[in-house]
All heavy atoms as atom14 arrays in JSON, in Angstrom:
{
  "sequence": "SHYEEGWFSYEHDGFGPVIENKNAVVAAIPDLFTNGMSQIYMERV",
  "atom14_mask": [
    [1, 1, 1, 1, 1, 1, 0, 0, 0, 0, 0, 0, 0, 0],
    [1, 1, 1, 1, 1, 1, 1, 1, 1, 1, 0, 0, 0, 0],
    [1, 1, 1, 1, 1, 1, 1, 1, 1, 1, 1, 1, 0, 0],
    [1, 1, 1, 1, 1, 1, 1, 1, 1, 0, 0, 0, 0, 0],
    [1, 1, 1, 1, 1, 1, 1, 1, 1, 0, 0, 0, 0, 0],
    [1, 1, 1, 1, 0, 0, 0, 0, 0, 0, 0, 0, 0, 0],
    [1, 1, 1, 1, 1, 1, 1, 1, 1, 1, 1, 1, 1, 1],
    [1, 1, 1, 1, 1, 1, 1, 1, 1, 1, 1, 0, 0, 0],
    [1, 1, 1, 1, 1, 1, 0, 0, 0, 0, 0, 0, 0, 0],
    [1, 1, 1, 1, 1, 1, 1, 1, 1, 1, 1, 1, 0, 0],
    [1, 1, 1, 1, 1, 1, 1, 1, 1, 0, 0, 0, 0, 0],
    [1, 1, 1, 1, 1, 1, 1, 1, 1, 1, 0, 0, 0, 0],
    [1, 1, 1, 1, 1, 1, 1, 1, 0, 0, 0, 0, 0, 0],
    [1, 1, 1, 1, 0, 0, 0, 0, 0, 0, 0, 0, 0, 0],
    [1, 1, 1, 1, 1, 1, 1, 1, 1, 1, 1, 0, 0, 0],
    [1, 1, 1, 1, 0, 0, 0, 0, 0, 0, 0, 0, 0, 0],
    [1, 1, 1, 1, 1, 1, 1, 0, 0, 0, 0, 0, 0, 0],
    [1, 1, 1, 1, 1, 1, 1, 0, 0, 0, 0, 0, 0, 0],
    [1, 1, 1, 1, 1, 1, 1, 1, 0, 0, 0, 0, 0, 0],
    [1, 1, 1, 1, 1, 1, 1, 1, 1, 0, 0, 0, 0, 0],
    [1, 1, 1, 1, 1, 1, 1, 1, 0, 0, 0, 0, 0, 0],
    [1, 1, 1, 1, 1, 1, 1, 1, 1, 0, 0, 0, 0, 0],
    [1, 1, 1, 1, 1, 1, 1, 1, 0, 0, 0, 0, 0, 0],
    [1, 1, 1, 1, 1, 0, 0, 0, 0, 0, 0, 0, 0, 0],
    [1, 1, 1, 1, 1, 1, 1, 0, 0, 0, 0, 0, 0, 0],
    [1, 1, 1, 1, 1, 1, 1, 0, 0, 0, 0, 0, 0, 0],
    [1, 1, 1, 1, 1, 0, 0, 0, 0, 0, 0, 0, 0, 0],
    [1, 1, 1, 1, 1, 0, 0, 0, 0, 0, 0, 0, 0, 0],
    [1, 1, 1, 1, 1, 1, 1, 1, 0, 0, 0, 0, 0, 0],
    [1, 1, 1, 1, 1, 1, 1, 0, 0, 0, 0, 0, 0, 0],
    [1, 1, 1, 1, 1, 1, 1, 1, 0, 0, 0, 0, 0, 0],
    [1, 1, 1, 1, 1, 1, 1, 1, 0, 0, 0, 0, 0, 0],
    [1, 1, 1, 1, 1, 1, 1, 1, 1, 1, 1, 0, 0, 0],
    [1, 1, 1, 1, 1, 1, 1, 0, 0, 0, 0, 0, 0, 0],
    [1, 1, 1, 1, 1, 1, 1, 1, 0, 0, 0, 0, 0, 0],
    [1, 1, 1, 1, 0, 0, 0, 0, 0, 0, 0, 0, 0, 0],
    [1, 1, 1, 1, 1, 1, 1, 1, 0, 0, 0, 0, 0, 0],
    [1, 1, 1, 1, 1, 1, 0, 0, 0, 0, 0, 0, 0, 0],
    [1, 1, 1, 1, 1, 1, 1, 1, 1, 0, 0, 0, 0, 0],
    [1, 1, 1, 1, 1, 1, 1, 1, 0, 0, 0, 0, 0, 0],
    [1, 1, 1, 1, 1, 1, 1, 1, 1, 1, 1, 1, 0, 0],
    [1, 1, 1, 1, 1, 1, 1, 1, 0, 0, 0, 0, 0, 0],
    [1, 1, 1, 1, 1, 1, 1, 1, 1, 0, 0, 0, 0, 0],
    [1, 1, 1, 1, 1, 1, 1, 1, 1, 1, 1, 0, 0, 0],
    [1, 1, 1, 1, 1, 1, 1, 0, 0, 0, 0, 0, 0, 0]
  ],
  "atom14_positions": [
    [[102.36, 87.34, 164.18], [102.61, 88.76, 163.92], [103.4, 89.46, 165.02], [103.84, 90.6, 164.82], [101.29, 89.49, 163.7], [100.44, 89.35, 164.83], [0.0, 0.0, 0.0], [0.0, 0.0, 0.0], [0.0, 0.0, 0.0], [0.0, 0.0, 0.0], [0.0, 0.0, 0.0], [0.0, 0.0, 0.0], [0.0, 0.0, 0.0], [0.0, 0.0, 0.0]],
    [[103.58, 88.82, 166.16], [104.32, 89.45, 167.26], [105.64, 88.73, 167.51], [106.53, 88.77, 166.69], [103.46, 89.5, 168.51], [102.47, 90.63, 168.51], [102.6, 91.76, 169.27], [101.34, 90.79, 167.79], [101.59, 92.58, 169.03], [100.81, 92.02, 168.14], [0.0, 0.0, 0.0], [0.0, 0.0, 0.0], [0.0, 0.0, 0.0], [0.0, 0.0, 0.0]],
    [[105.74, 88.07, 168.65], [107.01, 87.49, 169.05], [106.95, 85.96, 169.11], [105.95, 85.38, 169.5], [107.41, 88.02, 170.43], [107.33, 89.53, 170.55], [106.3, 90.13, 171.27], [108.28, 90.34, 169.94], [106.21, 91.51, 171.38], [108.2, 91.72, 170.05], [107.17, 92.3, 170.77], [107.09, 93.66, 170.88], [0.0, 0.0, 0.0], [0.0, 0.0, 0.0]],
    [[108.08, 85.35, 168.78], [108.19, 83.89, 168.89], [108.32, 83.52, 170.37], [108.96, 84.23, 171.15], [109.44, 83.43, 168.12], [109.64, 81.94, 168.1], [110.92, 81.53, 167.39], [111.56, 82.41, 166.77], [111.29, 80.35, 167.49], [0.0, 0.0, 0.0], [0.0, 0.0, 0.0], [0.0, 0.0, 0.0], [0.0, 0.0, 0.0], [0.0, 0.0, 0.0]],
    [[107.67, 82.43, 170.75], [107.72, 81.99, 172.14], [109.15, 81.76, 172.58], [109.95, 81.15, 171.88], [106.9, 80.72, 172.33], [106.79, 80.29, 173.79], [105.84, 79.12, 173.98], [104.62, 79.35, 174.09], [106.32, 77.97, 174.0], [0.0, 0.0, 0.0], [0.0, 0.0, 0.0], [0.0, 0.0, 0.0], [0.0, 0.0, 0.0], [0.0, 0.0, 0.0]],
    [[109.48, 82.25, 173.77], [110.82, 82.11, 174.32], [110.86, 81.12, 175.47], [110.25, 80.05, 175.41], [0.0, 0.0, 0.0], [0.0, 0.0, 0.0], [0.0, 0.0, 0.0], [0.0, 0.0, 0.0], [0.0, 0.0, 0.0], [0.0, 0.0, 0.0], [0.0, 0.0, 0.0], [0.0, 0.0, 0.0], [0.0, 0.0, 0.0], [0.0, 0.0, 0.0]],
    [[111.51, 81.52, 176.55], [111.68, 80.62, 177.69], [110.37, 80.37, 178.43], [110.22, 79.34, 179.1], [112.7, 81.2, 178.67], [112.28, 82.48, 179.33], [112.51, 83.75, 178.89], [111.56, 82.61, 180.57], [111.97, 84.68, 179.76], [111.39, 84.01, 180.8], [111.04, 81.72, 181.5], [110.72, 84.52, 181.92], [110.38, 82.22, 182.61], [110.23, 83.6, 182.81]],
    [[109.4, 81.28, 178.28], [108.16, 81.19, 179.05], [107.05, 80.56, 178.22], [106.72, 81.03, 177.14], [107.73, 82.59, 179.5], [106.53, 82.6, 180.4], [106.69, 82.49, 181.77], [105.25, 82.71, 179.88], [105.57, 82.5, 182.62], [104.14, 82.72, 180.71], [104.31, 82.61, 182.08], [0.0, 0.0, 0.0], [0.0, 0.0, 0.0], [0.0, 0.0, 0.0]],
    [[106.45, 79.48, 178.76], [105.29, 78.84, 178.16], [104.09, 79.11, 179.06], [104.15, 78.84, 180.27], [105.52, 77.33, 178.03], [104.29, 76.66, 177.85], [0.0, 0.0, 0.0], [0.0, 0.0, 0.0], [0.0, 0.0, 0.0], [0.0, 0.0, 0.0], [0.0, 0.0, 0.0], [0.0, 0.0, 0.0], [0.0, 0.0, 0.0], [0.0, 0.0, 0.0]],
    [[103.02, 79.63, 178.47], [101.84, 79.94, 179.28], [101.26, 78.68, 179.92], [100.77, 78.71, 181.05], [100.78, 80.64, 178.43], [101.17, 82.05, 178.04], [101.85, 82.31, 176.86], [100.88, 83.12, 178.88], [102.23, 83.59, 176.52], [101.25, 84.41, 178.55], [101.93, 84.64, 177.36], [102.32, 85.92, 177.03], [0.0, 0.0, 0.0], [0.0, 0.0, 0.0]],
    [[101.32, 77.57, 179.17], [100.76, 76.31, 179.68], [101.63, 75.71, 180.79], [101.1, 75.17, 181.77], [100.6, 75.31, 178.54], [99.47, 75.62, 177.57], [99.81, 76.73, 176.58], [101.0, 77.12, 176.49], [98.88, 77.23, 175.91], [0.0, 0.0, 0.0], [0.0, 0.0, 0.0], [0.0, 0.0, 0.0], [0.0, 0.0, 0.0], [0.0, 0.0, 0.0]],
    [[102.96, 75.79, 180.64], [103.85, 75.11, 181.59], [104.46, 76.02, 182.65], [104.92, 75.55, 183.7], [104.96, 74.38, 180.84], [104.47, 73.35, 179.87], [104.53, 73.5, 178.51], [103.84, 72.17, 180.09], [103.98, 72.44, 177.92], [103.55, 71.63, 178.85], [0.0, 0.0, 0.0], [0.0, 0.0, 0.0], [0.0, 0.0, 0.0], [0.0, 0.0, 0.0]],
    [[104.48, 77.32, 182.38], [105.1, 78.25, 183.31], [104.1, 79.3, 183.82], [104.43, 80.05, 184.76], [106.27, 78.99, 182.65], [107.33, 78.05, 182.13], [107.89, 77.29, 182.95], [107.61, 78.06, 180.91], [0.0, 0.0, 0.0], [0.0, 0.0, 0.0], [0.0, 0.0, 0.0], [0.0, 0.0, 0.0], [0.0, 0.0, 0.0], [0.0, 0.0, 0.0]],
    [[102.93, 79.37, 183.2], [101.96, 80.42, 183.53], [101.39, 80.3, 184.92], [101.52, 79.27, 185.59], [0.0, 0.0, 0.0], [0.0, 0.0, 0.0], [0.0, 0.0, 0.0], [0.0, 0.0, 0.0], [0.0, 0.0, 0.0], [0.0, 0.0, 0.0], [0.0, 0.0, 0.0], [0.0, 0.0, 0.0], [0.0, 0.0, 0.0], [0.0, 0.0, 0.0]],
    [[100.7, 81.34, 185.35], [100.2, 81.43, 186.72], [98.68, 81.32, 186.8], [98.07, 81.8, 187.76], [100.67, 82.76, 187.33], [102.14, 82.99, 187.18], [102.62, 83.98, 186.34], [103.07, 82.2, 187.86], [103.97, 84.2, 186.19], [104.43, 82.4, 187.71], [104.88, 83.41, 186.87], [0.0, 0.0, 0.0], [0.0, 0.0, 0.0], [0.0, 0.0, 0.0]],
    [[98.08, 80.72, 185.76], [96.64, 80.54, 185.73], [96.23, 79.81, 184.47], [97.07, 79.54, 183.59], [0.0, 0.0, 0.0], [0.0, 0.0, 0.0], [0.0, 0.0, 0.0], [0.0, 0.0, 0.0], [0.0, 0.0, 0.0], [0.0, 0.0, 0.0], [0.0, 0.0, 0.0], [0.0, 0.0, 0.0], [0.0, 0.0, 0.0], [0.0, 0.0, 0.0]],
    [[94.94, 79.48, 184.33], [94.47, 78.73, 183.15], [94.57, 79.53, 181.87], [94.36, 80.75, 181.86], [93.01, 78.42, 183.51], [92.62, 79.51, 184.46], [93.84, 79.81, 185.26], [0.0, 0.0, 0.0], [0.0, 0.0, 0.0], [0.0, 0.0, 0.0], [0.0, 0.0, 0.0], [0.0, 0.0, 0.0], [0.0, 0.0, 0.0], [0.0, 0.0, 0.0]],
    [[94.89, 78.86, 180.76], [94.89, 79.45, 179.43], [93.56, 79.09, 178.77], [93.25, 77.9, 178.59], [96.07, 78.93, 178.58], [96.02, 79.53, 177.18], [97.4, 79.25, 179.26], [0.0, 0.0, 0.0], [0.0, 0.0, 0.0], [0.0, 0.0, 0.0], [0.0, 0.0, 0.0], [0.0, 0.0, 0.0], [0.0, 0.0, 0.0], [0.0, 0.0, 0.0]],
    [[92.75, 80.09, 178.41], [91.39, 79.87, 177.91], [91.22, 80.59, 176.58], [91.68, 81.72, 176.42], [90.36, 80.38, 178.94], [90.54, 79.63, 180.27], [88.94, 80.21, 178.42], [89.66, 80.16, 181.39], [0.0, 0.0, 0.0], [0.0, 0.0, 0.0], [0.0, 0.0, 0.0], [0.0, 0.0, 0.0], [0.0, 0.0, 0.0], [0.0, 0.0, 0.0]],
    [[90.52, 79.95, 175.63], [90.42, 80.51, 174.29], [89.04, 81.05, 173.94], [88.86, 81.62, 172.87], [90.84, 79.45, 173.26], [92.3, 79.05, 173.37], [92.74, 78.1, 172.29], [91.98, 77.91, 171.32], [93.85, 77.54, 172.41], [0.0, 0.0, 0.0], [0.0, 0.0, 0.0], [0.0, 0.0, 0.0], [0.0, 0.0, 0.0], [0.0, 0.0, 0.0]],
    [[88.05, 80.89, 174.8], [86.72, 81.44, 174.48], [86.11, 82.16, 175.67], [86.39, 81.84, 176.83], [85.78, 80.35, 173.95], [85.37, 79.37, 175.01], [84.45, 79.62, 175.79], [86.05, 78.23, 175.06], [0.0, 0.0, 0.0], [0.0, 0.0, 0.0], [0.0, 0.0, 0.0], [0.0, 0.0, 0.0], [0.0, 0.0, 0.0], [0.0, 0.0, 0.0]],
    [[85.3, 83.13, 175.37], [84.72, 84.02, 176.37], [83.9, 83.29, 177.44], [84.03, 83.57, 178.63], [83.84, 85.07, 175.68], [83.07, 85.96, 176.63], [81.99, 86.74, 175.95], [80.93, 85.93, 175.28], [79.74, 85.64, 176.09], [0.0, 0.0, 0.0], [0.0, 0.0, 0.0], [0.0, 0.0, 0.0], [0.0, 0.0, 0.0], [0.0, 0.0, 0.0]],
    [[83.07, 82.35, 177.02], [82.19, 81.67, 177.97], [82.98, 80.91, 179.03], [82.6, 80.89, 180.21], [81.25, 80.72, 177.24], [80.22, 81.45, 176.4], [79.96, 82.63, 176.62], [79.65, 80.78, 175.4], [0.0, 0.0, 0.0], [0.0, 0.0, 0.0], [0.0, 0.0, 0.0], [0.0, 0.0, 0.0], [0.0, 0.0, 0.0], [0.0, 0.0, 0.0]],
    [[84.08, 80.31, 178.62], [84.92, 79.58, 179.57], [85.63, 80.54, 180.54], [85.84, 80.21, 181.71], [85.95, 78.74, 178.82], [0.0, 0.0, 0.0], [0.0, 0.0, 0.0], [0.0, 0.0, 0.0], [0.0, 0.0, 0.0], [0.0, 0.0, 0.0], [0.0, 0.0, 0.0], [0.0, 0.0, 0.0], [0.0, 0.0, 0.0], [0.0, 0.0, 0.0]],
    [[85.96, 81.72, 180.06], [86.55, 82.74, 180.93], [85.55, 83.13, 182.01], [85.86, 83.15, 183.21], [86.98, 83.99, 180.13], [87.33, 85.14, 181.08], [88.16, 83.67, 179.23], [0.0, 0.0, 0.0], [0.0, 0.0, 0.0], [0.0, 0.0, 0.0], [0.0, 0.0, 0.0], [0.0, 0.0, 0.0], [0.0, 0.0, 0.0], [0.0, 0.0, 0.0]],
    [[84.33, 83.43, 181.6], [83.28, 83.81, 182.54], [83.04, 82.7, 183.56], [82.87, 82.97, 184.76], [81.98, 84.16, 181.78], [80.83, 84.4, 182.77], [82.18, 85.38, 180.9], [0.0, 0.0, 0.0], [0.0, 0.0, 0.0], [0.0, 0.0, 0.0], [0.0, 0.0, 0.0], [0.0, 0.0, 0.0], [0.0, 0.0, 0.0], [0.0, 0.0, 0.0]],
    [[83.05, 81.45, 183.1], [82.8, 80.31, 184.0], [83.92, 80.13, 185.02], [83.69, 79.66, 186.14], [82.64, 79.04, 183.17], [0.0, 0.0, 0.0], [0.0, 0.0, 0.0], [0.0, 0.0, 0.0], [0.0, 0.0, 0.0], [0.0, 0.0, 0.0], [0.0, 0.0, 0.0], [0.0, 0.0, 0.0], [0.0, 0.0, 0.0], [0.0, 0.0, 0.0]],
    [[85.15, 80.52, 184.65], [86.3, 80.32, 185.53], [86.43, 81.4, 186.6], [87.12, 81.2, 187.61], [87.58, 80.27, 184.7], [0.0, 0.0, 0.0], [0.0, 0.0, 0.0], [0.0, 0.0, 0.0], [0.0, 0.0, 0.0], [0.0, 0.0, 0.0], [0.0, 0.0, 0.0], [0.0, 0.0, 0.0], [0.0, 0.0, 0.0], [0.0, 0.0, 0.0]],
    [[85.8, 82.52, 186.4], [85.99, 83.67, 187.29], [85.58, 83.42, 188.74], [86.36, 83.71, 189.67], [85.28, 84.92, 186.72], [86.06, 85.44, 185.49], [85.15, 86.02, 187.77], [85.35, 86.55, 184.73], [0.0, 0.0, 0.0], [0.0, 0.0, 0.0], [0.0, 0.0, 0.0], [0.0, 0.0, 0.0], [0.0, 0.0, 0.0], [0.0, 0.0, 0.0]],
    [[84.38, 82.9, 189.03], [83.96, 82.78, 190.44], [84.92, 81.98, 191.32], [85.23, 82.4, 192.44], [82.59, 82.1, 190.34], [82.09, 82.5, 188.98], [83.29, 82.51, 188.11], [0.0, 0.0, 0.0], [0.0, 0.0, 0.0], [0.0, 0.0, 0.0], [0.0, 0.0, 0.0], [0.0, 0.0, 0.0], [0.0, 0.0, 0.0], [0.0, 0.0, 0.0]],
    [[85.39, 80.85, 190.83], [86.28, 80.01, 191.64], [87.6, 80.73, 191.93], [88.07, 80.75, 193.08], [86.55, 78.68, 190.93], [87.54, 77.81, 191.7], [87.22, 77.44, 192.85], [88.64, 77.55, 191.17], [0.0, 0.0, 0.0], [0.0, 0.0, 0.0], [0.0, 0.0, 0.0], [0.0, 0.0, 0.0], [0.0, 0.0, 0.0], [0.0, 0.0, 0.0]],
    [[88.2, 81.31, 190.89], [89.49, 81.98, 191.08], [89.33, 83.23, 191.95], [90.2, 83.54, 192.77], [90.09, 82.35, 189.73], [90.62, 81.17, 188.9], [90.96, 81.61, 187.49], [91.85, 80.57, 189.58], [0.0, 0.0, 0.0], [0.0, 0.0, 0.0], [0.0, 0.0, 0.0], [0.0, 0.0, 0.0], [0.0, 0.0, 0.0], [0.0, 0.0, 0.0]],
    [[88.25, 83.94, 191.78], [88.03, 85.15, 192.57], [87.85, 84.81, 194.05], [88.34, 85.52, 194.93], [86.81, 85.91, 192.06], [86.68, 87.29, 192.64], [87.33, 88.37, 192.06], [85.9, 87.51, 193.77], [87.22, 89.65, 192.6], [85.78, 88.79, 194.32], [86.45, 89.86, 193.73], [0.0, 0.0, 0.0], [0.0, 0.0, 0.0], [0.0, 0.0, 0.0]],
    [[87.19, 83.7, 194.32], [86.91, 83.3, 195.71], [88.1, 82.61, 196.36], [88.46, 82.91, 197.5], [85.7, 82.35, 195.76], [84.57, 83.03, 195.2], [85.39, 81.93, 197.19], [0.0, 0.0, 0.0], [0.0, 0.0, 0.0], [0.0, 0.0, 0.0], [0.0, 0.0, 0.0], [0.0, 0.0, 0.0], [0.0, 0.0, 0.0], [0.0, 0.0, 0.0]],
    [[88.75, 81.7, 195.62], [89.76, 80.83, 196.22], [91.21, 81.26, 195.96], [92.13, 80.74, 196.59], [89.56, 79.4, 195.73], [88.21, 78.84, 196.15], [87.78, 79.03, 197.28], [87.52, 78.18, 195.22], [0.0, 0.0, 0.0], [0.0, 0.0, 0.0], [0.0, 0.0, 0.0], [0.0, 0.0, 0.0], [0.0, 0.0, 0.0], [0.0, 0.0, 0.0]],
    [[91.43, 82.17, 195.04], [92.78, 82.67, 194.8], [93.65, 81.72, 194.0], [93.17, 80.77, 193.37], [0.0, 0.0, 0.0], [0.0, 0.0, 0.0], [0.0, 0.0, 0.0], [0.0, 0.0, 0.0], [0.0, 0.0, 0.0], [0.0, 0.0, 0.0], [0.0, 0.0, 0.0], [0.0, 0.0, 0.0], [0.0, 0.0, 0.0], [0.0, 0.0, 0.0]],
    [[94.94, 81.97, 194.03], [95.93, 81.2, 193.27], [96.14, 79.83, 193.89], [96.36, 79.71, 195.1], [97.25, 81.97, 193.21], [98.34, 81.29, 192.4], [99.88, 82.26, 192.33], [99.5, 83.42, 191.02], [0.0, 0.0, 0.0], [0.0, 0.0, 0.0], [0.0, 0.0, 0.0], [0.0, 0.0, 0.0], [0.0, 0.0, 0.0], [0.0, 0.0, 0.0]],
    [[96.1, 78.79, 193.06], [96.28, 77.43, 193.57], [97.77, 77.13, 193.78], [98.65, 77.86, 193.31], [95.68, 76.42, 192.6], [96.38, 76.45, 191.36], [0.0, 0.0, 0.0], [0.0, 0.0, 0.0], [0.0, 0.0, 0.0], [0.0, 0.0, 0.0], [0.0, 0.0, 0.0], [0.0, 0.0, 0.0], [0.0, 0.0, 0.0], [0.0, 0.0, 0.0]],
    [[98.04, 76.01, 194.45], [99.4, 75.66, 194.87], [100.35, 75.5, 193.68], [101.51, 75.94, 193.75], [99.38, 74.37, 195.7], [100.73, 74.01, 196.31], [101.26, 75.09, 197.25], [100.49, 75.74, 197.96], [102.57, 75.3, 197.25], [0.0, 0.0, 0.0], [0.0, 0.0, 0.0], [0.0, 0.0, 0.0], [0.0, 0.0, 0.0], [0.0, 0.0, 0.0]],
    [[99.89, 74.92, 192.6], [100.77, 74.69, 191.45], [101.29, 76.02, 190.88], [102.46, 76.13, 190.48], [100.06, 73.87, 190.35], [101.05, 73.54, 189.22], [98.84, 74.6, 189.8], [100.48, 72.59, 188.18], [0.0, 0.0, 0.0], [0.0, 0.0, 0.0], [0.0, 0.0, 0.0], [0.0, 0.0, 0.0], [0.0, 0.0, 0.0], [0.0, 0.0, 0.0]],
    [[100.45, 77.03, 190.9], [100.87, 78.34, 190.39], [101.74, 79.06, 191.42], [102.65, 79.81, 191.04], [99.66, 79.17, 190.01], [98.8, 78.52, 188.95], [97.44, 78.33, 189.14], [99.37, 78.07, 187.75], [96.66, 77.73, 188.15], [98.59, 77.47, 186.77], [97.25, 77.29, 186.98], [96.48, 76.68, 186.01], [0.0, 0.0, 0.0], [0.0, 0.0, 0.0]],
    [[101.48, 78.85, 192.7], [102.34, 79.4, 193.75], [103.77, 78.89, 193.58], [104.74, 79.65, 193.72], [101.82, 78.98, 195.13], [100.48, 79.57, 195.51], [100.65, 81.21, 196.24], [99.03, 81.38, 197.0], [0.0, 0.0, 0.0], [0.0, 0.0, 0.0], [0.0, 0.0, 0.0], [0.0, 0.0, 0.0], [0.0, 0.0, 0.0], [0.0, 0.0, 0.0]],
    [[103.91, 77.62, 193.28], [105.25, 77.03, 193.12], [105.98, 77.63, 191.92], [107.2, 77.82, 191.94], [105.12, 75.51, 192.97], [104.67, 74.81, 194.26], [104.3, 73.35, 194.05], [104.41, 72.86, 192.89], [103.91, 72.69, 195.03], [0.0, 0.0, 0.0], [0.0, 0.0, 0.0], [0.0, 0.0, 0.0], [0.0, 0.0, 0.0], [0.0, 0.0, 0.0]],
    [[105.22, 77.95, 190.87], [105.84, 78.58, 189.7], [106.32, 79.99, 190.03], [107.37, 80.42, 189.54], [104.84, 78.6, 188.53], [104.51, 77.22, 187.99], [103.46, 77.29, 186.89], [103.1, 75.96, 186.41], [102.2, 75.72, 185.46], [101.58, 76.74, 184.88], [101.93, 74.49, 185.09], [0.0, 0.0, 0.0], [0.0, 0.0, 0.0], [0.0, 0.0, 0.0]],
    [[105.56, 80.71, 190.82], [105.99, 82.04, 191.26], [107.31, 81.95, 192.02], [108.25, 82.7, 191.75], [104.91, 82.7, 192.16], [105.45, 83.99, 192.77], [103.66, 82.99, 191.36], [0.0, 0.0, 0.0], [0.0, 0.0, 0.0], [0.0, 0.0, 0.0], [0.0, 0.0, 0.0], [0.0, 0.0, 0.0], [0.0, 0.0, 0.0], [0.0, 0.0, 0.0]]
  ]
}
């Protein structure tokens, strides 16, 4: 209903994990909040 994917892929170009359910989002928060952006995402930036 919105836009067709262009040059940017969330999985291959994104700056963090792609998550589809609430519980997994909640589980991912403590590590990312404490440790920040990992090296692979830094390189994409």
